[in-house]
PDB file of all heavy atoms in Angstrom:
ATOM      1  N   LEU A   1      -7.029  -6.424 -14.929  1.00  0.00           N
ATOM      2  CA  LEU A   1      -7.755  -6.521 -16.220  1.00  0.00           C
ATOM      3  C   LEU A   1      -6.811  -6.832 -17.421  1.00  0.00           C
ATOM      4  O   LEU A   1      -7.292  -7.426 -18.372  1.00  0.00           O
ATOM      5  CB  LEU A   1      -8.579  -5.284 -16.375  1.00  0.00           C
ATOM      6  CG  LEU A   1      -9.728  -5.071 -15.356  1.00  0.00           C
ATOM      7  CD1 LEU A   1     -10.271  -3.637 -15.530  1.00  0.00           C
ATOM      8  CD2 LEU A   1     -10.776  -6.071 -15.540  1.00  0.00           C
ATOM      9  N   SER A   2      -5.680  -6.239 -17.382  1.00  0.00           N
ATOM     10  CA  SER A   2      -4.817  -6.384 -18.550  1.00  0.00           C
ATOM     11  C   SER A   2      -4.153  -7.818 -18.489  1.00  0.00           C
ATOM     12  O   SER A   2      -4.013  -8.436 -19.668  1.00  0.00           O
ATOM     13  CB  SER A   2      -3.573  -5.497 -18.440  1.00  0.00           C
ATOM     14  OG  SER A   2      -2.871  -5.595 -17.291  1.00  0.00           O
ATOM     15  N   ALA A   3      -3.951  -8.494 -17.505  1.00  0.00           N
ATOM     16  CA  ALA A   3      -3.346  -9.892 -17.458  1.00  0.00           C
ATOM     17  C   ALA A   3      -4.391 -10.884 -17.354  1.00  0.00           C
ATOM     18  O   ALA A   3      -4.257 -12.098 -17.596  1.00  0.00           O
ATOM     19  CB  ALA A   3      -2.430  -9.957 -16.332  1.00  0.00           C
ATOM     20  N   GLY A   4      -5.749 -10.515 -16.975  1.00  0.00           N
ATOM     21  CA  GLY A   4      -6.802 -11.461 -16.833  1.00  0.00           C
ATOM     22  C   GLY A   4      -6.468 -12.428 -15.695  1.00  0.00           C
ATOM     23  O   GLY A   4      -6.858 -13.600 -15.772  1.00  0.00           O
ATOM     24  N   ALA A   5      -5.888 -11.929 -14.659  1.00  0.00           N
ATOM     25  CA  ALA A   5      -5.539 -12.840 -13.593  1.00  0.00           C
ATOM     26  C   ALA A   5      -5.733 -12.066 -12.170  1.00  0.00           C
ATOM     27  O   ALA A   5      -5.968 -10.849 -12.227  1.00  0.00           O
ATOM     28  CB  ALA A   5      -4.098 -13.233 -13.566  1.00  0.00           C
ATOM     29  N   ARG A   6      -5.497 -12.683 -11.153  1.00  0.00           N
ATOM     30  CA  ARG A   6      -5.613 -12.076  -9.805  1.00  0.00           C
ATOM     31  C   ARG A   6      -4.713 -10.912  -9.700  1.00  0.00           C
ATOM     32  O   ARG A   6      -3.535 -10.917 -10.028  1.00  0.00           O
ATOM     33  CB  ARG A   6      -5.325 -13.096  -8.674  1.00  0.00           C
ATOM     34  CG  ARG A   6      -5.586 -12.531  -7.263  1.00  0.00           C
ATOM     35  CD  ARG A   6      -5.263 -13.518  -6.232  1.00  0.00           C
ATOM     36  NE  ARG A   6      -5.419 -12.986  -4.905  1.00  0.00           N
ATOM     37  CZ  ARG A   6      -6.553 -12.997  -4.219  1.00  0.00           C
ATOM     38  NH1 ARG A   6      -7.604 -13.611  -4.723  1.00  0.00           N
ATOM     39  NH2 ARG A   6      -6.639 -12.556  -2.990  1.00  0.00           N
ATOM     40  N   GLY A   7      -5.193  -9.843  -9.164  1.00  0.00           N
ATOM     41  CA  GLY A   7      -4.296  -8.616  -8.893  1.00  0.00           C
ATOM     42  C   GLY A   7      -4.308  -8.305  -7.367  1.00  0.00           C
ATOM     43  O   GLY A   7      -4.795  -9.045  -6.519  1.00  0.00           O
ATOM     44  N   SER A   8      -3.796  -7.091  -7.049  1.00  0.00           N
ATOM     45  CA  SER A   8      -3.857  -6.550  -5.682  1.00  0.00           C
ATOM     46  C   SER A   8      -4.554  -5.422  -5.486  1.00  0.00           C
ATOM     47  O   SER A   8      -4.526  -4.470  -6.342  1.00  0.00           O
ATOM     48  CB  SER A   8      -2.300  -6.267  -5.235  1.00  0.00           C
ATOM     49  OG  SER A   8      -2.261  -5.729  -3.983  1.00  0.00           O
ATOM     50  N   ARG A   9      -5.382  -5.318  -4.437  1.00  0.00           N
ATOM     51  CA  ARG A   9      -6.177  -4.179  -4.102  1.00  0.00           C
ATOM     52  C   ARG A   9      -5.352  -2.979  -3.769  1.00  0.00           C
ATOM     53  O   ARG A   9      -5.735  -1.750  -3.913  1.00  0.00           O
ATOM     54  CB  ARG A   9      -7.056  -4.372  -2.970  1.00  0.00           C
ATOM     55  CG  ARG A   9      -6.391  -4.602  -1.595  1.00  0.00           C
ATOM     56  CD  ARG A   9      -7.357  -4.874  -0.494  1.00  0.00           C
ATOM     57  NE  ARG A   9      -8.269  -5.938  -0.755  1.00  0.00           N
ATOM     58  CZ  ARG A   9      -9.503  -6.225  -0.207  1.00  0.00           C
ATOM     59  NH1 ARG A   9      -9.975  -5.323   0.594  1.00  0.00           N
ATOM     60  NH2 ARG A   9     -10.074  -7.290  -0.515  1.00  0.00           N
ATOM     61  N   GLN A  10      -4.094  -3.189  -3.457  1.00  0.00           N
ATOM     62  CA  GLN A  10      -3.274  -2.005  -3.178  1.00  0.00           C
ATOM     63  C   GLN A  10      -2.721  -1.230  -4.423  1.00  0.00           C
ATOM     64  O   GLN A  10      -2.450  -0.149  -4.318  1.00  0.00           O
ATOM     65  CB  GLN A  10      -1.931  -2.545  -2.428  1.00  0.00           C
ATOM     66  CG  GLN A  10      -2.191  -3.211  -1.049  1.00  0.00           C
ATOM     67  CD  GLN A  10      -2.753  -2.183  -0.005  1.00  0.00           C
ATOM     68  OE1 GLN A  10      -2.649  -1.029  -0.201  1.00  0.00           O
ATOM     69  NE2 GLN A  10      -3.307  -2.801   0.963  1.00  0.00           N
ATOM     70  N   ASP A  11      -2.863  -1.897  -5.461  1.00  0.00           N
ATOM     71  CA  ASP A  11      -2.413  -1.187  -6.726  1.00  0.00           C
ATOM     72  C   ASP A  11      -3.187  -0.018  -7.266  1.00  0.00           C
ATOM     73  O   ASP A  11      -2.725   0.951  -7.908  1.00  0.00           O
ATOM     74  CB  ASP A  11      -2.477  -2.247  -7.909  1.00  0.00           C
ATOM     75  CG  ASP A  11      -1.390  -3.371  -7.840  1.00  0.00           C
ATOM     76  OD1 ASP A  11      -0.544  -3.224  -6.956  1.00  0.00           O
ATOM     77  OD2 ASP A  11      -1.489  -4.334  -8.474  1.00  0.00           O
ATOM     78  N   HIS A  12      -4.489   0.140  -6.684  1.00  0.00           N
ATOM     79  CA  HIS A  12      -5.365   1.086  -7.135  1.00  0.00           C
ATOM     80  C   HIS A  12      -4.958   2.502  -6.657  1.00  0.00           C
ATOM     81  O   HIS A  12      -5.425   3.510  -7.236  1.00  0.00           O
ATOM     82  CB  HIS A  12      -6.727   0.658  -6.786  1.00  0.00           C
ATOM     83  CG  HIS A  12      -7.267  -0.559  -7.291  1.00  0.00           C
ATOM     84  ND1 HIS A  12      -7.383  -0.712  -8.701  1.00  0.00           N
ATOM     85  CD2 HIS A  12      -7.629  -1.724  -6.722  1.00  0.00           C
ATOM     86  CE1 HIS A  12      -7.871  -2.028  -8.967  1.00  0.00           C
ATOM     87  NE2 HIS A  12      -7.899  -2.581  -7.676  1.00  0.00           N
ATOM     88  N   VAL A  13      -4.350   2.518  -5.499  1.00  0.00           N
ATOM     89  CA  VAL A  13      -3.878   3.853  -5.006  1.00  0.00           C
ATOM     90  C   VAL A  13      -2.325   4.025  -4.866  1.00  0.00           C
ATOM     91  O   VAL A  13      -1.922   4.985  -4.599  1.00  0.00           O
ATOM     92  CB  VAL A  13      -4.560   4.165  -3.572  1.00  0.00           C
ATOM     93  CG1 VAL A  13      -5.948   4.247  -3.750  1.00  0.00           C
ATOM     94  CG2 VAL A  13      -4.239   3.020  -2.595  1.00  0.00           C
ATOM     95  N   ALA A  14      -1.642   2.886  -5.033  1.00  0.00           N
ATOM     96  CA  ALA A  14      -0.114   2.987  -4.835  1.00  0.00           C
ATOM     97  C   ALA A  14       0.451   3.950  -5.816  1.00  0.00           C
ATOM     98  O   ALA A  14       1.310   4.745  -5.400  1.00  0.00           O
ATOM     99  CB  ALA A  14       0.404   1.500  -5.117  1.00  0.00           C
ATOM    100  N   SER A  15       0.039   3.973  -7.076  1.00  0.00           N
ATOM    101  CA  SER A  15       0.674   4.815  -8.017  1.00  0.00           C
ATOM    102  C   SER A  15       0.521   6.281  -7.740  1.00  0.00           C
ATOM    103  O   SER A  15       1.460   7.048  -7.719  1.00  0.00           O
ATOM    104  CB  SER A  15       0.154   4.526  -9.409  1.00  0.00           C
ATOM    105  OG  SER A  15       0.657   5.467 -10.402  1.00  0.00           O
ATOM    106  N   ILE A  16      -0.752   6.635  -7.324  1.00  0.00           N
ATOM    107  CA  ILE A  16      -1.033   8.106  -7.020  1.00  0.00           C
ATOM    108  C   ILE A  16      -0.288   8.465  -5.758  1.00  0.00           C
ATOM    109  O   ILE A  16       0.240   9.634  -5.566  1.00  0.00           O
ATOM    110  CB  ILE A  16      -2.461   8.422  -7.063  1.00  0.00           C
ATOM    111  CG1 ILE A  16      -2.658   9.968  -7.063  1.00  0.00           C
ATOM    112  CG2 ILE A  16      -3.129   7.884  -5.915  1.00  0.00           C
ATOM    113  CD1 ILE A  16      -4.058  10.387  -7.277  1.00  0.00           C
ATOM    114  N   LEU A  17      -0.190   7.572  -4.768  1.00  0.00           N
ATOM    115  CA  LEU A  17       0.507   7.926  -3.551  1.00  0.00           C
ATOM    116  C   LEU A  17       2.049   8.082  -3.710  1.00  0.00           C
ATOM    117  O   LEU A  17       2.664   8.875  -3.142  1.00  0.00           O
ATOM    118  CB  LEU A  17       0.330   6.849  -2.505  1.00  0.00           C
ATOM    119  CG  LEU A  17      -1.011   6.867  -1.785  1.00  0.00           C
ATOM    120  CD1 LEU A  17      -1.379   5.619  -0.982  1.00  0.00           C
ATOM    121  CD2 LEU A  17      -1.175   8.097  -0.868  1.00  0.00           C
ATOM    122  N   ARG A  18       2.554   7.249  -4.634  1.00  0.00           N
ATOM    123  CA  ARG A  18       3.968   7.433  -4.987  1.00  0.00           C
ATOM    124  C   ARG A  18       4.233   8.788  -5.683  1.00  0.00           C
ATOM    125  O   ARG A  18       5.236   9.447  -5.320  1.00  0.00           O
ATOM    126  CB  ARG A  18       4.431   6.266  -5.887  1.00  0.00           C
ATOM    127  CG  ARG A  18       4.475   4.873  -5.251  1.00  0.00           C
ATOM    128  CD  ARG A  18       5.275   3.942  -6.182  1.00  0.00           C
ATOM    129  NE  ARG A  18       4.847   3.815  -7.568  1.00  0.00           N
ATOM    130  CZ  ARG A  18       3.900   2.884  -7.978  1.00  0.00           C
ATOM    131  NH1 ARG A  18       3.349   2.140  -7.056  1.00  0.00           N
ATOM    132  NH2 ARG A  18       3.537   2.879  -9.167  1.00  0.00           N
ATOM    133  N   ARG A  19       3.367   9.170  -6.456  1.00  0.00           N
ATOM    134  CA  ARG A  19       3.498  10.472  -7.131  1.00  0.00           C
ATOM    135  C   ARG A  19       3.352  11.567  -6.212  1.00  0.00           C
ATOM    136  O   ARG A  19       4.149  12.598  -6.344  1.00  0.00           O
ATOM    137  CB  ARG A  19       2.405  10.569  -8.203  1.00  0.00           C
ATOM    138  CG  ARG A  19       2.568  11.842  -9.164  1.00  0.00           C
ATOM    139  CD  ARG A  19       1.610  11.746 -10.352  1.00  0.00           C
ATOM    140  NE  ARG A  19       1.675  12.973 -11.099  1.00  0.00           N
ATOM    141  CZ  ARG A  19       0.887  13.140 -12.154  1.00  0.00           C
ATOM    142  NH1 ARG A  19       0.126  12.191 -12.578  1.00  0.00           N
ATOM    143  NH2 ARG A  19       0.998  14.264 -12.848  1.00  0.00           N
ATOM    144  N   LEU A  20       2.521  11.586  -5.269  1.00  0.00           N
ATOM    145  CA  LEU A  20       2.192  12.562  -4.396  1.00  0.00           C
ATOM    146  C   LEU A  20       3.233  12.806  -3.261  1.00  0.00           C
ATOM    147  O   LEU A  20       3.499  13.815  -2.693  1.00  0.00           O
ATOM    148  CB  LEU A  20       0.778  12.462  -3.731  1.00  0.00           C
ATOM    149  CG  LEU A  20      -0.366  12.685  -4.654  1.00  0.00           C
ATOM    150  CD1 LEU A  20      -1.632  12.342  -4.013  1.00  0.00           C
ATOM    151  CD2 LEU A  20      -0.381  14.272  -5.174  1.00  0.00           C
ATOM    152  N   THR A  21       3.825  11.671  -2.959  1.00  0.00           N
ATOM    153  CA  THR A  21       4.814  11.660  -1.759  1.00  0.00           C
ATOM    154  C   THR A  21       6.349  11.389  -2.256  1.00  0.00           C
ATOM    155  O   THR A  21       7.164  11.622  -1.376  1.00  0.00           O
ATOM    156  CB  THR A  21       4.440  10.570  -0.814  1.00  0.00           C
ATOM    157  OG1 THR A  21       4.589   9.314  -1.309  1.00  0.00           O
ATOM    158  CG2 THR A  21       2.984  10.706  -0.358  1.00  0.00           C
ATOM    159  N   GLY A  22       6.573  10.870  -3.386  1.00  0.00           N
ATOM    160  CA  GLY A  22       7.952  10.717  -3.802  1.00  0.00           C
ATOM    161  C   GLY A  22       8.361   9.345  -3.288  1.00  0.00           C
ATOM    162  O   GLY A  22       9.559   8.954  -3.357  1.00  0.00           O
ATOM    163  N   ALA A  23       7.509   8.426  -2.730  1.00  0.00           N
ATOM    164  CA  ALA A  23       7.811   7.220  -2.218  1.00  0.00           C
ATOM    165  C   ALA A  23       8.041   6.160  -3.329  1.00  0.00           C
ATOM    166  O   ALA A  23       7.655   6.253  -4.385  1.00  0.00           O
ATOM    167  CB  ALA A  23       6.830   6.706  -1.322  1.00  0.00           C
ATOM    168  N   GLU A  24       8.813   5.059  -2.882  1.00  0.00           N
ATOM    169  CA  GLU A  24       9.001   3.933  -3.823  1.00  0.00           C
ATOM    170  C   GLU A  24       7.787   3.132  -3.870  1.00  0.00           C
ATOM    171  O   GLU A  24       7.452   2.481  -4.840  1.00  0.00           O
ATOM    172  CB  GLU A  24      10.207   3.092  -3.395  1.00  0.00           C
ATOM    173  CG  GLU A  24      11.522   3.794  -3.558  1.00  0.00           C
ATOM    174  CD  GLU A  24      12.681   3.000  -3.023  1.00  0.00           C
ATOM    175  OE1 GLU A  24      12.359   1.711  -2.606  1.00  0.00           O
ATOM    176  OE2 GLU A  24      13.821   3.362  -2.987  1.00  0.00           O
ATOM    177  N   ALA A  25       7.088   3.002  -2.731  1.00  0.00           N
ATOM    178  CA  ALA A  25       5.920   2.102  -2.688  1.00  0.00           C
ATOM    179  C   ALA A  25       4.978   2.567  -1.656  1.00  0.00           C
ATOM    180  O   ALA A  25       5.290   3.480  -0.800  1.00  0.00           O
ATOM    181  CB  ALA A  25       6.424   0.677  -2.311  1.00  0.00           C
ATOM    182  N   ALA A  26       3.755   2.106  -1.665  1.00  0.00           N
ATOM    183  CA  ALA A  26       2.650   2.565  -0.669  1.00  0.00           C
ATOM    184  C   ALA A  26       1.756   1.314  -0.445  1.00  0.00           C
ATOM    185  O   ALA A  26       1.524   0.418  -1.261  1.00  0.00           O
ATOM    186  CB  ALA A  26       1.903   3.649  -1.300  1.00  0.00           C
ATOM    187  N   LEU A  27       1.121   1.498   0.727  1.00  0.00           N
ATOM    188  CA  LEU A  27       0.110   0.472   1.231  1.00  0.00           C
ATOM    189  C   LEU A  27      -0.882   1.113   2.031  1.00  0.00           C
ATOM    190  O   LEU A  27      -0.582   2.045   2.808  1.00  0.00           O
ATOM    191  CB  LEU A  27       0.907  -0.690   1.935  1.00  0.00           C
ATOM    192  CG  LEU A  27       0.091  -1.772   2.558  1.00  0.00           C
ATOM    193  CD1 LEU A  27       0.986  -3.124   2.491  1.00  0.00           C
ATOM    194  CD2 LEU A  27      -0.167  -1.539   4.107  1.00  0.00           C
ATOM    195  N   VAL A  28      -2.143   0.591   1.963  1.00  0.00           N
ATOM    196  CA  VAL A  28      -3.298   1.318   2.677  1.00  0.00           C
ATOM    197  C   VAL A  28      -3.910   0.301   3.582  1.00  0.00           C
ATOM    198  O   VAL A  28      -4.248  -0.807   3.179  1.00  0.00           O
ATOM    199  CB  VAL A  28      -4.392   1.859   1.707  1.00  0.00           C
ATOM    200  CG1 VAL A  28      -5.448   2.465   2.497  1.00  0.00           C
ATOM    201  CG2 VAL A  28      -3.677   2.924   0.866  1.00  0.00           C
ATOM    202  N   VAL A  29      -4.128   0.551   4.803  1.00  0.00           N
ATOM    203  CA  VAL A  29      -4.840  -0.249   5.815  1.00  0.00           C
ATOM    204  C   VAL A  29      -6.142   0.573   6.465  1.00  0.00           C
ATOM    205  O   VAL A  29      -6.243   1.639   5.924  1.00  0.00           O
ATOM    206  CB  VAL A  29      -3.929  -0.873   6.926  1.00  0.00           C
ATOM    207  CG1 VAL A  29      -3.060  -1.797   6.354  1.00  0.00           C
ATOM    208  CG2 VAL A  29      -3.189   0.277   7.610  1.00  0.00           C
ATOM    209  N   ASN A  30      -6.743   0.074   7.448  1.00  0.00           N
ATOM    210  CA  ASN A  30      -7.909   0.736   7.811  1.00  0.00           C
ATOM    211  C   ASN A  30      -7.811   1.968   8.628  1.00  0.00           C
ATOM    212  O   ASN A  30      -8.769   2.707   8.710  1.00  0.00           O
ATOM    213  CB  ASN A  30      -8.909  -0.289   8.419  1.00  0.00           C
ATOM    214  CG  ASN A  30      -8.332  -0.996   9.656  1.00  0.00           C
ATOM    215  OD1 ASN A  30      -7.409  -0.496  10.288  1.00  0.00           O
ATOM    216  ND2 ASN A  30      -8.871  -2.130  10.043  1.00  0.00           N
ATOM    217  N   ASN A  31      -6.739   2.114   9.349  1.00  0.00           N
ATOM    218  CA  ASN A  31      -6.512   3.518  10.018  1.00  0.00           C
ATOM    219  C   ASN A  31      -4.961   3.624  10.338  1.00  0.00           C
ATOM    220  O   ASN A  31      -4.247   2.632  10.130  1.00  0.00           O
ATOM    221  CB  ASN A  31      -7.425   3.700  11.343  1.00  0.00           C
ATOM    222  CG  ASN A  31      -7.088   2.685  12.364  1.00  0.00           C
ATOM    223  OD1 ASN A  31      -6.034   2.094  12.550  1.00  0.00           O
ATOM    224  ND2 ASN A  31      -8.261   2.357  13.076  1.00  0.00           N
ATOM    225  N   ASN A  32      -4.622   4.823  10.895  1.00  0.00           N
ATOM    226  CA  ASN A  32      -3.197   5.004  11.064  1.00  0.00           C
ATOM    227  C   ASN A  32      -2.658   4.249  12.310  1.00  0.00           C
ATOM    228  O   ASN A  32      -1.433   3.796  12.112  1.00  0.00           O
ATOM    229  CB  ASN A  32      -2.900   6.494  11.371  1.00  0.00           C
ATOM    230  CG  ASN A  32      -1.468   6.752  11.247  1.00  0.00           C
ATOM    231  OD1 ASN A  32      -0.809   6.421  10.339  1.00  0.00           O
ATOM    232  ND2 ASN A  32      -0.876   7.495  12.282  1.00  0.00           N
ATOM    233  N   ALA A  33      -3.384   3.908  13.276  1.00  0.00           N
ATOM    234  CA  ALA A  33      -2.886   3.063  14.398  1.00  0.00           C
ATOM    235  C   ALA A  33      -2.652   1.683  13.806  1.00  0.00           C
ATOM    236  O   ALA A  33      -1.642   1.051  14.186  1.00  0.00           O
ATOM    237  CB  ALA A  33      -3.969   3.009  15.448  1.00  0.00           C
ATOM    238  N   ALA A  34      -3.482   1.148  12.846  1.00  0.00           N
ATOM    239  CA  ALA A  34      -3.238  -0.092  12.351  1.00  0.00           C
ATOM    240  C   ALA A  34      -1.912   0.027  11.397  1.00  0.00           C
ATOM    241  O   ALA A  34      -1.201  -0.992  11.413  1.00  0.00           O
ATOM    242  CB  ALA A  34      -4.393  -0.474  11.474  1.00  0.00           C
ATOM    243  N   ALA A  35      -1.680   1.077  10.718  1.00  0.00           N
ATOM    244  CA  ALA A  35      -0.498   1.251   9.880  1.00  0.00           C
ATOM    245  C   ALA A  35       0.733   1.164  10.748  1.00  0.00           C
ATOM    246  O   ALA A  35       1.652   0.425  10.422  1.00  0.00           O
ATOM    247  CB  ALA A  35      -0.505   2.545   9.255  1.00  0.00           C
ATOM    248  N   VAL A  36       0.744   1.829  11.847  1.00  0.00           N
ATOM    249  CA  VAL A  36       1.973   1.768  12.804  1.00  0.00           C
ATOM    250  C   VAL A  36       2.125   0.357  13.355  1.00  0.00           C
ATOM    251  O   VAL A  36       3.239  -0.132  13.477  1.00  0.00           O
ATOM    252  CB  VAL A  36       1.742   2.857  13.918  1.00  0.00           C
ATOM    253  CG1 VAL A  36       2.921   2.719  14.917  1.00  0.00           C
ATOM    254  CG2 VAL A  36       1.677   4.197  13.352  1.00  0.00           C
ATOM    255  N   MET A  37       0.994  -0.171  13.847  1.00  0.00           N
ATOM    256  CA  MET A  37       1.112  -1.514  14.374  1.00  0.00           C
ATOM    257  C   MET A  37       1.609  -2.503  13.452  1.00  0.00           C
ATOM    258  O   MET A  37       2.429  -3.388  13.748  1.00  0.00           O
ATOM    259  CB  MET A  37      -0.237  -1.934  14.932  1.00  0.00           C
ATOM    260  CG  MET A  37      -0.236  -3.384  15.672  1.00  0.00           C
ATOM    261  SD  MET A  37      -1.754  -3.763  16.571  1.00  0.00           S
ATOM    262  CE  MET A  37      -2.831  -3.991  15.259  1.00  0.00           C
ATOM    263  N   LEU A  38       1.161  -2.478  12.129  1.00  0.00           N
ATOM    264  CA  LEU A  38       1.642  -3.409  11.132  1.00  0.00           C
ATOM    265  C   LEU A  38       3.084  -3.168  10.875  1.00  0.00           C
ATOM    266  O   LEU A  38       3.808  -4.095  10.570  1.00  0.00           O
ATOM    267  CB  LEU A  38       0.762  -3.190   9.840  1.00  0.00           C
ATOM    268  CG  LEU A  38       1.183  -3.965   8.604  1.00  0.00           C
ATOM    269  CD1 LEU A  38       0.991  -5.481   8.928  1.00  0.00           C
ATOM    270  CD2 LEU A  38       0.353  -3.591   7.350  1.00  0.00           C
ATOM    271  N   ALA A  39       3.528  -1.909  10.694  1.00  0.00           N
ATOM    272  CA  ALA A  39       4.943  -1.649  10.514  1.00  0.00           C
ATOM    273  C   ALA A  39       5.859  -2.240  11.590  1.00  0.00           C
ATOM    274  O   ALA A  39       6.810  -2.835  11.260  1.00  0.00           O
ATOM    275  CB  ALA A  39       5.174  -0.174  10.418  1.00  0.00           C
ATOM    276  N   LEU A  40       5.368  -2.110  12.827  1.00  0.00           N
ATOM    277  CA  LEU A  40       6.209  -2.560  13.856  1.00  0.00           C
ATOM    278  C   LEU A  40       6.176  -4.125  14.042  1.00  0.00           C
ATOM    279  O   LEU A  40       7.154  -4.756  14.227  1.00  0.00           O
ATOM    280  CB  LEU A  40       5.695  -1.968  15.286  1.00  0.00           C
ATOM    281  CG  LEU A  40       5.912  -0.439  15.311  1.00  0.00           C
ATOM    282  CD1 LEU A  40       5.425   0.147  16.663  1.00  0.00           C
ATOM    283  CD2 LEU A  40       7.392  -0.004  15.070  1.00  0.00           C
ATOM    284  N   ALA A  41       5.043  -4.634  13.662  1.00  0.00           N
ATOM    285  CA  ALA A  41       4.889  -6.080  13.730  1.00  0.00           C
ATOM    286  C   ALA A  41       5.796  -6.748  12.557  1.00  0.00           C
ATOM    287  O   ALA A  41       6.367  -7.793  12.897  1.00  0.00           O
ATOM    288  CB  ALA A  41       3.404  -6.535  13.466  1.00  0.00           C
ATOM    289  N   ALA A  42       5.745  -6.092  11.534  1.00  0.00           N
ATOM    290  CA  ALA A  42       6.541  -6.710  10.307  1.00  0.00           C
ATOM    291  C   ALA A  42       8.027  -6.586  10.430  1.00  0.00           C
ATOM    292  O   ALA A  42       8.769  -7.345   9.957  1.00  0.00           O
ATOM    293  CB  ALA A  42       6.034  -6.063   9.027  1.00  0.00           C
ATOM    294  N   LEU A  43       8.447  -5.421  11.184  1.00  0.00           N
ATOM    295  CA  LEU A  43       9.859  -5.084  11.183  1.00  0.00           C
ATOM    296  C   LEU A  43      10.493  -5.367  12.492  1.00  0.00           C
ATOM    297  O   LEU A  43      11.730  -5.397  12.628  1.00  0.00           O
ATOM    298  CB  LEU A  43      10.123  -3.599  10.821  1.00  0.00           C
ATOM    299  CG  LEU A  43       9.497  -3.196   9.482  1.00  0.00           C
ATOM    300  CD1 LEU A  43       9.693  -1.651   9.287  1.00  0.00           C
ATOM    301  CD2 LEU A  43       9.982  -3.979   8.345  1.00  0.00           C
ATOM    302  N   ALA A  44       9.666  -5.506  13.576  1.00  0.00           N
ATOM    303  CA  ALA A  44      10.391  -5.507  14.931  1.00  0.00           C
ATOM    304  C   ALA A  44       9.642  -6.460  15.929  1.00  0.00           C
ATOM    305  O   ALA A  44       9.925  -6.391  17.116  1.00  0.00           O
ATOM    306  CB  ALA A  44      10.330  -4.101  15.473  1.00  0.00           C
TER     307      ALA A  44
END
């Protein structure tokens, strides 16, 4: 809304997750099995 341009759906919860966990960044998917699978697919 501030830039009047396309944004990311991840931004809506990333800030509060960083605050609650102390993490540098955060991402949300549809369940935890998907989170683990995505992490391994992207990194390994």
